[in-house]
C-alpha atoms as a PDB file:
ATOM      1  CA  UNK A   1     -18.559  60.650 -21.706  1.00  0.00           C
ATOM      2  CA  UNK A   2     -22.145  60.622 -20.370  1.00  0.00           C
ATOM      3  CA  UNK A   3     -22.361  62.522 -16.863  1.00  0.00           C
ATOM      4  CA  UNK A   4     -23.693  60.245 -13.957  1.00  0.00           C
ATOM      5  CA  UNK A   5     -26.874  61.291 -12.598  1.00  0.00           C
ATOM      6  CA  UNK A   6     -26.415  61.447  -8.771  1.00  0.00           C
ATOM      7  CA  UNK A   7     -30.321  61.680  -8.414  1.00  0.00           C
ATOM      8  CA  UNK A   8     -30.544  58.031  -9.232  1.00  0.00           C
ATOM      9  CA  UNK A   9     -28.529  57.327  -5.919  1.00  0.00           C
ATOM     10  CA  UNK A  10     -31.442  58.390  -3.882  1.00  0.00           C
ATOM     11  CA  UNK A  11     -33.224  55.010  -4.614  1.00  0.00           C
ATOM     12  CA  UNK A  12     -30.467  53.130  -2.685  1.00  0.00           C
ATOM     13  CA  UNK A  13     -31.518  51.770   0.771  1.00  0.00           C
ATOM     14  CA  UNK A  14     -29.791  53.002   3.965  1.00  0.00           C
ATOM     15  CA  UNK A  15     -27.652  50.386   5.463  1.00  0.00           C
ATOM     16  CA  UNK A  16     -27.479  49.633   9.249  1.00  0.00           C
ATOM     17  CA  UNK A  17     -24.649  51.277  10.880  1.00  0.00           C
ATOM     18  CA  UNK A  18     -23.201  47.993  11.995  1.00  0.00           C
ATOM     19  CA  UNK A  19     -23.375  45.179   9.534  1.00  0.00           C
ATOM     20  CA  UNK A  20     -25.043  42.225  10.806  1.00  0.00           C
ATOM     21  CA  UNK A  21     -22.940  38.815  10.511  1.00  0.00           C
ATOM     22  CA  UNK A  22     -24.027  36.560   7.807  1.00  0.00           C
ATOM     23  CA  UNK A  23     -25.438  33.093   8.581  1.00  0.00           C
ATOM     24  CA  UNK A  24     -22.128  31.757   7.363  1.00  0.00           C
ATOM     25  CA  UNK A  25     -20.162  33.873   9.601  1.00  0.00           C
ATOM     26  CA  UNK A  26     -22.217  33.010  12.821  1.00  0.00           C
ATOM     27  CA  UNK A  27     -21.763  29.234  11.998  1.00  0.00           C
ATOM     28  CA  UNK A  28     -18.019  29.779  11.356  1.00  0.00           C
ATOM     29  CA  UNK A  29     -17.660  31.801  14.688  1.00  0.00           C
ATOM     30  CA  UNK A  30     -19.487  29.103  16.595  1.00  0.00           C
ATOM     31  CA  UNK A  31     -17.513  26.252  15.267  1.00  0.00           C
ATOM     32  CA  UNK A  32     -14.149  28.339  15.508  1.00  0.00           C
ATOM     33  CA  UNK A  33     -14.639  29.054  19.209  1.00  0.00           C
ATOM     34  CA  UNK A  34     -15.481  25.481  20.043  1.00  0.00           C
ATOM     35  CA  UNK A  35     -12.484  24.293  18.234  1.00  0.00           C
ATOM     36  CA  UNK A  36     -10.089  26.687  20.026  1.00  0.00           C
ATOM     37  CA  UNK A  37     -11.471  25.889  23.431  1.00  0.00           C
ATOM     38  CA  UNK A  38     -11.166  22.082  22.648  1.00  0.00           C
ATOM     39  CA  UNK A  39     -14.972  21.684  23.259  1.00  0.00           C
ATOM     40  CA  UNK A  40     -14.653  20.080  19.833  1.00  0.00           C
ATOM     41  CA  UNK A  41     -11.431  18.190  20.500  1.00  0.00           C
ATOM     42  CA  UNK A  42      -8.995  16.802  17.882  1.00  0.00           C
ATOM     43  CA  UNK A  43     -10.659  13.808  16.354  1.00  0.00           C
ATOM     44  CA  UNK A  44     -14.241  14.967  16.919  1.00  0.00           C
ATOM     45  CA  UNK A  45     -16.425  14.193  13.947  1.00  0.00           C
ATOM     46  CA  UNK A  46     -18.456  17.026  12.332  1.00  0.00           C
ATOM     47  CA  UNK A  47     -21.614  16.520  10.158  1.00  0.00           C
ATOM     48  CA  UNK A  48     -22.970  19.204   7.954  1.00  0.00           C
ATOM     49  CA  UNK A  49     -26.580  17.814   8.546  1.00  0.00           C
ATOM     50  CA  UNK A  50     -26.173  17.735  12.162  1.00  0.00           C
ATOM     51  CA  UNK A  51     -24.562  21.242  12.531  1.00  0.00           C
ATOM     52  CA  UNK A  52     -27.278  22.720  10.213  1.00  0.00           C
ATOM     53  CA  UNK A  53     -30.069  20.937  12.236  1.00  0.00           C
ATOM     54  CA  UNK A  54     -28.546  22.057  15.715  1.00  0.00           C
ATOM     55  CA  UNK A  55     -28.133  25.486  14.438  1.00  0.00           C
ATOM     56  CA  UNK A  56     -31.514  25.732  12.552  1.00  0.00           C
ATOM     57  CA  UNK A  57     -29.889  26.753   9.249  1.00  0.00           C
ATOM     58  CA  UNK A  58     -29.503  25.214   5.870  1.00  0.00           C
ATOM     59  CA  UNK A  59     -26.573  23.129   4.860  1.00  0.00           C
ATOM     60  CA  UNK A  60     -24.981  25.752   2.464  1.00  0.00           C
ATOM     61  CA  UNK A  61     -23.797  27.907   5.050  1.00  0.00           C
ATOM     62  CA  UNK A  62     -22.427  25.072   7.078  1.00  0.00           C
ATOM     63  CA  UNK A  63     -20.713  23.948   4.018  1.00  0.00           C
ATOM     64  CA  UNK A  64     -19.232  27.331   3.487  1.00  0.00           C
ATOM     65  CA  UNK A  65     -18.119  27.537   7.202  1.00  0.00           C
ATOM     66  CA  UNK A  66     -16.601  24.125   6.862  1.00  0.00           C
ATOM     67  CA  UNK A  67     -14.487  25.217   3.882  1.00  0.00           C
ATOM     68  CA  UNK A  68     -13.267  28.278   5.715  1.00  0.00           C
ATOM     69  CA  UNK A  69     -12.192  26.059   8.790  1.00  0.00           C
ATOM     70  CA  UNK A  70     -10.533  23.730   6.451  1.00  0.00           C
ATOM     71  CA  UNK A  71      -8.408  26.640   5.023  1.00  0.00           C
ATOM     72  CA  UNK A  72      -7.064  27.242   8.499  1.00  0.00           C
ATOM     73  CA  UNK A  73      -6.136  23.709   9.155  1.00  0.00           C
ATOM     74  CA  UNK A  74      -8.835  23.337  11.804  1.00  0.00           C
ATOM     75  CA  UNK A  75     -10.849  20.423  10.196  1.00  0.00           C
ATOM     76  CA  UNK A  76     -10.209  17.750   7.541  1.00  0.00           C
ATOM     77  CA  UNK A  77     -12.798  17.453   4.872  1.00  0.00           C
ATOM     78  CA  UNK A  78     -12.953  13.930   3.728  1.00  0.00           C
ATOM     79  CA  UNK A  79     -15.289  13.273   0.694  1.00  0.00           C
ATOM     80  CA  UNK A  80     -17.800  10.521   1.564  1.00  0.00           C
ATOM     81  CA  UNK A  81     -16.215  10.245   5.014  1.00  0.00           C
ATOM     82  CA  UNK A  82     -16.545  12.086   8.357  1.00  0.00           C
ATOM     83  CA  UNK A  83     -15.217  15.542   8.572  1.00  0.00           C
ATOM     84  CA  UNK A  84     -12.964  15.593  11.688  1.00  0.00           C
ATOM     85  CA  UNK A  85     -11.248  18.197  13.696  1.00  0.00           C
ATOM     86  CA  UNK A  86      -7.539  18.173  13.408  1.00  0.00           C
ATOM     87  CA  UNK A  87      -4.733  18.138  15.912  1.00  0.00           C
ATOM     88  CA  UNK A  88      -3.210  21.495  16.909  1.00  0.00           C
ATOM     89  CA  UNK A  89      -0.393  21.940  14.383  1.00  0.00           C
ATOM     90  CA  UNK A  90       3.207  22.813  15.924  1.00  0.00           C
ATOM     91  CA  UNK A  91       4.151  23.801  12.366  1.00  0.00           C
ATOM     92  CA  UNK A  92       1.321  26.314  12.088  1.00  0.00           C
ATOM     93  CA  UNK A  93       2.225  27.622  15.612  1.00  0.00           C
ATOM     94  CA  UNK A  94       5.751  28.293  14.488  1.00  0.00           C
ATOM     95  CA  UNK A  95       4.591  29.988  11.463  1.00  0.00           C
ATOM     96  CA  UNK A  96       2.216  32.092  13.289  1.00  0.00           C
ATOM     97  CA  UNK A  97       4.833  33.073  15.956  1.00  0.00           C
ATOM     98  CA  UNK A  98       7.197  34.371  13.060  1.00  0.00           C
ATOM     99  CA  UNK A  99       4.335  36.235  11.271  1.00  0.00           C
ATOM    100  CA  UNK A 100       3.238  37.866  14.575  1.00  0.00           C
ATOM    101  CA  UNK A 101       6.675  39.000  15.603  1.00  0.00           C
ATOM    102  CA  UNK A 102       7.385  40.298  12.095  1.00  0.00           C
ATOM    103  CA  UNK A 103       4.041  42.477  11.793  1.00  0.00           C
ATOM    104  CA  UNK A 104       3.145  43.226  15.465  1.00  0.00           C
ATOM    105  CA  UNK A 105       6.657  44.473  16.377  1.00  0.00           C
ATOM    106  CA  UNK A 106       6.640  46.964  13.524  1.00  0.00           C
ATOM    107  CA  UNK A 107       3.108  47.902  14.573  1.00  0.00           C
ATOM    108  CA  UNK A 108       4.177  48.407  18.261  1.00  0.00           C
ATOM    109  CA  UNK A 109       6.823  50.917  17.182  1.00  0.00           C
ATOM    110  CA  UNK A 110       4.185  52.975  15.371  1.00  0.00           C
ATOM    111  CA  UNK A 111       1.890  52.685  18.385  1.00  0.00           C
ATOM    112  CA  UNK A 112       4.604  54.155  20.654  1.00  0.00           C
ATOM    113  CA  UNK A 113       4.690  57.191  18.598  1.00  0.00           C
ATOM    114  CA  UNK A 114       1.066  57.624  17.559  1.00  0.00           C
ATOM    115  CA  UNK A 115      -1.416  56.733  20.310  1.00  0.00           C
ATOM    116  CA  UNK A 116      -2.968  59.342  22.324  1.00  0.00           C
ATOM    117  CA  UNK A 117      -3.860  59.324  25.951  1.00  0.00           C
ATOM    118  CA  UNK A 118      -7.512  58.798  25.135  1.00  0.00           C
ATOM    119  CA  UNK A 119      -6.500  55.573  23.230  1.00  0.00           C
ATOM    120  CA  UNK A 120      -3.989  54.433  25.917  1.00  0.00           C
ATOM    121  CA  UNK A 121      -6.847  54.788  28.496  1.00  0.00           C
ATOM    122  CA  UNK A 122      -9.092  52.595  26.166  1.00  0.00           C
ATOM    123  CA  UNK A 123      -6.334  49.944  26.320  1.00  0.00           C
ATOM    124  CA  UNK A 124      -6.027  50.154  29.912  1.00  0.00           C
ATOM    125  CA  UNK A 125      -9.824  49.692  30.321  1.00  0.00           C
ATOM    126  CA  UNK A 126      -9.395  46.368  28.237  1.00  0.00           C
ATOM    127  CA  UNK A 127      -6.693  45.196  30.615  1.00  0.00           C
ATOM    128  CA  UNK A 128      -9.086  46.076  33.616  1.00  0.00           C
ATOM    129  CA  UNK A 129     -11.585  43.868  31.883  1.00  0.00           C
ATOM    130  CA  UNK A 130      -9.073  41.100  31.674  1.00  0.00           C
ATOM    131  CA  UNK A 131      -8.496  41.273  35.360  1.00  0.00           C
ATOM    132  CA  UNK A 132     -12.116  40.995  36.101  1.00  0.00           C
ATOM    133  CA  UNK A 133     -12.378  38.069  33.903  1.00  0.00           C
ATOM    134  CA  UNK A 134      -9.461  36.405  35.777  1.00  0.00           C
ATOM    135  CA  UNK A 135     -11.258  37.112  39.009  1.00  0.00           C
ATOM    136  CA  UNK A 136     -14.568  35.660  37.715  1.00  0.00           C
ATOM    137  CA  UNK A 137     -12.867  32.585  36.154  1.00  0.00           C
ATOM    138  CA  UNK A 138     -14.274  33.551  32.700  1.00  0.00           C
ATOM    139  CA  UNK A 139     -11.793  32.160  30.067  1.00  0.00           C
ATOM    140  CA  UNK A 140     -13.680  32.884  27.096  1.00  0.00           C
ATOM    141  CA  UNK A 141     -14.049  36.628  28.127  1.00  0.00           C
ATOM    142  CA  UNK A 142     -10.294  36.839  28.870  1.00  0.00           C
ATOM    143  CA  UNK A 143      -9.401  35.347  25.394  1.00  0.00           C
ATOM    144  CA  UNK A 144     -11.597  37.770  23.752  1.00  0.00           C
ATOM    145  CA  UNK A 145     -10.282  40.840  25.603  1.00  0.00           C
ATOM    146  CA  UNK A 146      -6.672  39.301  24.710  1.00  0.00           C
ATOM    147  CA  UNK A 147      -7.662  39.696  20.873  1.00  0.00           C
ATOM    148  CA  UNK A 148      -9.162  43.101  21.452  1.00  0.00           C
ATOM    149  CA  UNK A 149      -5.920  44.426  22.997  1.00  0.00           C
ATOM    150  CA  UNK A 150      -3.770  43.398  20.197  1.00  0.00           C
ATOM    151  CA  UNK A 151      -6.323  44.450  17.679  1.00  0.00           C
ATOM    152  CA  UNK A 152      -6.919  47.795  19.141  1.00  0.00           C
ATOM    153  CA  UNK A 153      -3.116  48.476  19.280  1.00  0.00           C
ATOM    154  CA  UNK A 154      -2.969  47.932  15.411  1.00  0.00           C
ATOM    155  CA  UNK A 155      -6.215  49.881  14.897  1.00  0.00           C
ATOM    156  CA  UNK A 156      -5.411  52.863  17.047  1.00  0.00           C
ATOM    157  CA  UNK A 157      -2.165  53.214  15.032  1.00  0.00           C
ATOM    158  CA  UNK A 158      -3.938  53.202  11.793  1.00  0.00           C
ATOM    159  CA  UNK A 159      -2.768  49.720  10.852  1.00  0.00           C
ATOM    160  CA  UNK A 160      -5.751  47.609  11.373  1.00  0.00           C
ATOM    161  CA  UNK A 161      -4.793  45.447   8.216  1.00  0.00           C
ATOM    162  CA  UNK A 162      -2.025  44.239  10.300  1.00  0.00           C
ATOM    163  CA  UNK A 163      -4.319  42.554  12.631  1.00  0.00           C
ATOM    164  CA  UNK A 164      -6.331  41.195   9.820  1.00  0.00           C
ATOM    165  CA  UNK A 165      -3.207  39.503   8.359  1.00  0.00           C
ATOM    166  CA  UNK A 166      -2.314  38.218  11.876  1.00  0.00           C
ATOM    167  CA  UNK A 167      -5.783  36.905  12.661  1.00  0.00           C
ATOM    168  CA  UNK A 168      -5.906  34.829   9.517  1.00  0.00           C
ATOM    169  CA  UNK A 169      -2.728  32.890  10.587  1.00  0.00           C
ATOM    170  CA  UNK A 170      -2.817  32.510  14.159  1.00  0.00           C
ATOM    171  CA  UNK A 171      -5.673  29.965  14.840  1.00  0.00           C
ATOM    172  CA  UNK A 172      -3.461  27.011  15.935  1.00  0.00           C
ATOM    173  CA  UNK A 173      -1.646  29.440  18.268  1.00  0.00           C
ATOM    174  CA  UNK A 174      -4.976  30.402  19.850  1.00  0.00           C
ATOM    175  CA  UNK A 175      -5.807  26.738  20.440  1.00  0.00           C
ATOM    176  CA  UNK A 176      -2.520  26.167  22.345  1.00  0.00           C
ATOM    177  CA  UNK A 177      -2.814  29.479  24.300  1.00  0.00           C
ATOM    178  CA  UNK A 178      -6.343  28.860  25.250  1.00  0.00           C
ATOM    179  CA  UNK A 179      -5.364  25.583  27.072  1.00  0.00           C
ATOM    180  CA  UNK A 180      -2.707  27.551  28.984  1.00  0.00           C
ATOM    181  CA  UNK A 181      -5.237  30.206  30.368  1.00  0.00           C
ATOM    182  CA  UNK A 182      -5.704  28.394  33.849  1.00  0.00           C
ATOM    183  CA  UNK A 183      -2.057  28.886  34.593  1.00  0.00           C
ATOM    184  CA  UNK A 184      -0.890  31.565  32.404  1.00  0.00           C
ATOM    185  CA  UNK A 185      -3.504  34.356  32.298  1.00  0.00           C
ATOM    186  CA  UNK A 186      -2.079  36.290  35.091  1.00  0.00           C
ATOM    187  CA  UNK A 187       1.378  36.328  33.254  1.00  0.00           C
ATOM    188  CA  UNK A 188      -0.239  37.288  29.993  1.00  0.00           C
ATOM    189  CA  UNK A 189      -1.948  40.149  31.729  1.00  0.00           C
ATOM    190  CA  UNK A 190       1.306  41.292  33.318  1.00  0.00           C
ATOM    191  CA  UNK A 191       2.863  41.263  29.945  1.00  0.00           C
ATOM    192  CA  UNK A 192       0.111  43.360  28.574  1.00  0.00           C
ATOM    193  CA  UNK A 193       0.443  45.805  31.416  1.00  0.00           C
ATOM    194  CA  UNK A 194       4.258  46.070  30.507  1.00  0.00           C
ATOM    195  CA  UNK A 195       3.344  46.601  26.788  1.00  0.00           C
ATOM    196  CA  UNK A 196       0.905  49.515  27.775  1.00  0.00           C
ATOM    197  CA  UNK A 197       3.393  51.127  30.391  1.00  0.00           C
ATOM    198  CA  UNK A 198       6.124  51.313  27.477  1.00  0.00           C
ATOM    199  CA  UNK A 199       3.470  52.775  25.095  1.00  0.00           C
ATOM    200  CA  UNK A 200       2.531  55.516  27.692  1.00  0.00           C
ATOM    201  CA  UNK A 201       6.306  56.209  28.169  1.00  0.00           C
ATOM    202  CA  UNK A 202       6.478  56.355  24.320  1.00  0.00           C
ATOM    203  CA  UNK A 203       9.347  54.134  24.723  1.00  0.00           C
ATOM    204  CA  UNK A 204       9.432  52.175  21.327  1.00  0.00           C
ATOM    205  CA  UNK A 205      12.178  49.803  22.281  1.00  0.00           C
ATOM    206  CA  UNK A 206      10.745  48.871  25.668  1.00  0.00           C
ATOM    207  CA  UNK A 207       7.611  48.282  23.894  1.00  0.00           C
ATOM    208  CA  UNK A 208       9.258  45.988  21.304  1.00  0.00           C
ATOM    209  CA  UNK A 209      11.000  44.075  23.905  1.00  0.00           C
ATOM    210  CA  UNK A 210       7.675  43.462  26.010  1.00  0.00           C
ATOM    211  CA  UNK A 211       5.842  42.527  22.928  1.00  0.00           C
ATOM    212  CA  UNK A 212       8.706  40.089  21.870  1.00  0.00           C
ATOM    213  CA  UNK A 213       8.767  38.450  25.270  1.00  0.00           C
ATOM    214  CA  UNK A 214       4.873  38.165  25.183  1.00  0.00           C
ATOM    215  CA  UNK A 215       4.668  36.602  21.775  1.00  0.00           C
ATOM    216  CA  UNK A 216       7.675  34.225  22.528  1.00  0.00           C
ATOM    217  CA  UNK A 217       5.995  32.822  25.559  1.00  0.00           C
ATOM    218  CA  UNK A 218       4.187  30.458  23.162  1.00  0.00           C
ATOM    219  CA  UNK A 219       7.414  28.272  23.111  1.00  0.00           C
ATOM    220  CA  UNK A 220       6.973  27.499  26.822  1.00  0.00           C
ATOM    221  CA  UNK A 221       3.311  26.783  26.481  1.00  0.00           C
ATOM    222  CA  UNK A 222       3.761  24.587  23.669  1.00  0.00           C
ATOM    223  CA  UNK A 223       6.396  22.697  25.524  1.00  0.00           C
ATOM    224  CA  UNK A 224       4.192  22.332  28.396  1.00  0.00           C
ATOM    225  CA  UNK A 225       1.332  21.281  26.294  1.00  0.00           C
ATOM    226  CA  UNK A 226       3.546  18.713  24.522  1.00  0.00           C
ATOM    227  CA  UNK A 227       4.312  17.224  27.982  1.00  0.00           C
ATOM    228  CA  UNK A 228       0.809  17.143  29.438  1.00  0.00           C
ATOM    229  CA  UNK A 229      -1.465  16.880  26.375  1.00  0.00           C
ATOM    230  CA  UNK A 230       0.580  15.287  23.644  1.00  0.00           C
ATOM    231  CA  UNK A 231      -2.632  13.670  22.139  1.00  0.00           C
ATOM    232  CA  UNK A 232      -3.885  17.149  21.028  1.00  0.00           C
ATOM    233  CA  UNK A 233      -0.737  18.141  19.138  1.00  0.00           C
ATOM    234  CA  UNK A 234       0.317  17.239  15.577  1.00  0.00           C
ATOM    235  CA  UNK A 235       3.211  18.170  13.354  1.00  0.00           C
END
């Protein structure tokens, strides 16, 4: 077999240490956030041309972002008709809860055994940030730090792929949870602190119990949303 000449690799360009998001990813993220926080509510119409014009991009990355959002069930693409934002799917929330419980409970058991003090301190800093976000009334920041807390538990445990799998399935759950933040953020933070305390104690069973209660709260939030804003919910 011919031997590779490693010297030819010297012509390869160096990459930035942090990869910059593509245009499609930026469009996707912007629309995702607005659908989650109901700035784009169920029934809102979306136009490739209008989104492209507002964001100063071509229509192709918008089309690609629309496709990704449709795969999540966030929008319904109707050829020759308007693309619309869907209702929050109760069935998708039930599926997401099952997936999160199955994966994150296994992950938290690992975390109770594997996380070191420095990593636990970093989790504590995230929770301090959540408290600051509550005090300042910054729901977006609280939500993103919530994501970081769960992501970091998986990543610090060497199981970041768990969060990748969870993230792909929990979009409708995020939409419901975001609506609960005005009255539930303090509860969510208290539950996060219980999870962290169990991890510091290396008590896997307590950590599992705390995470189970935390993830199961979606049932109460969904019931309240069904009562207060039934128009945003679908099957």
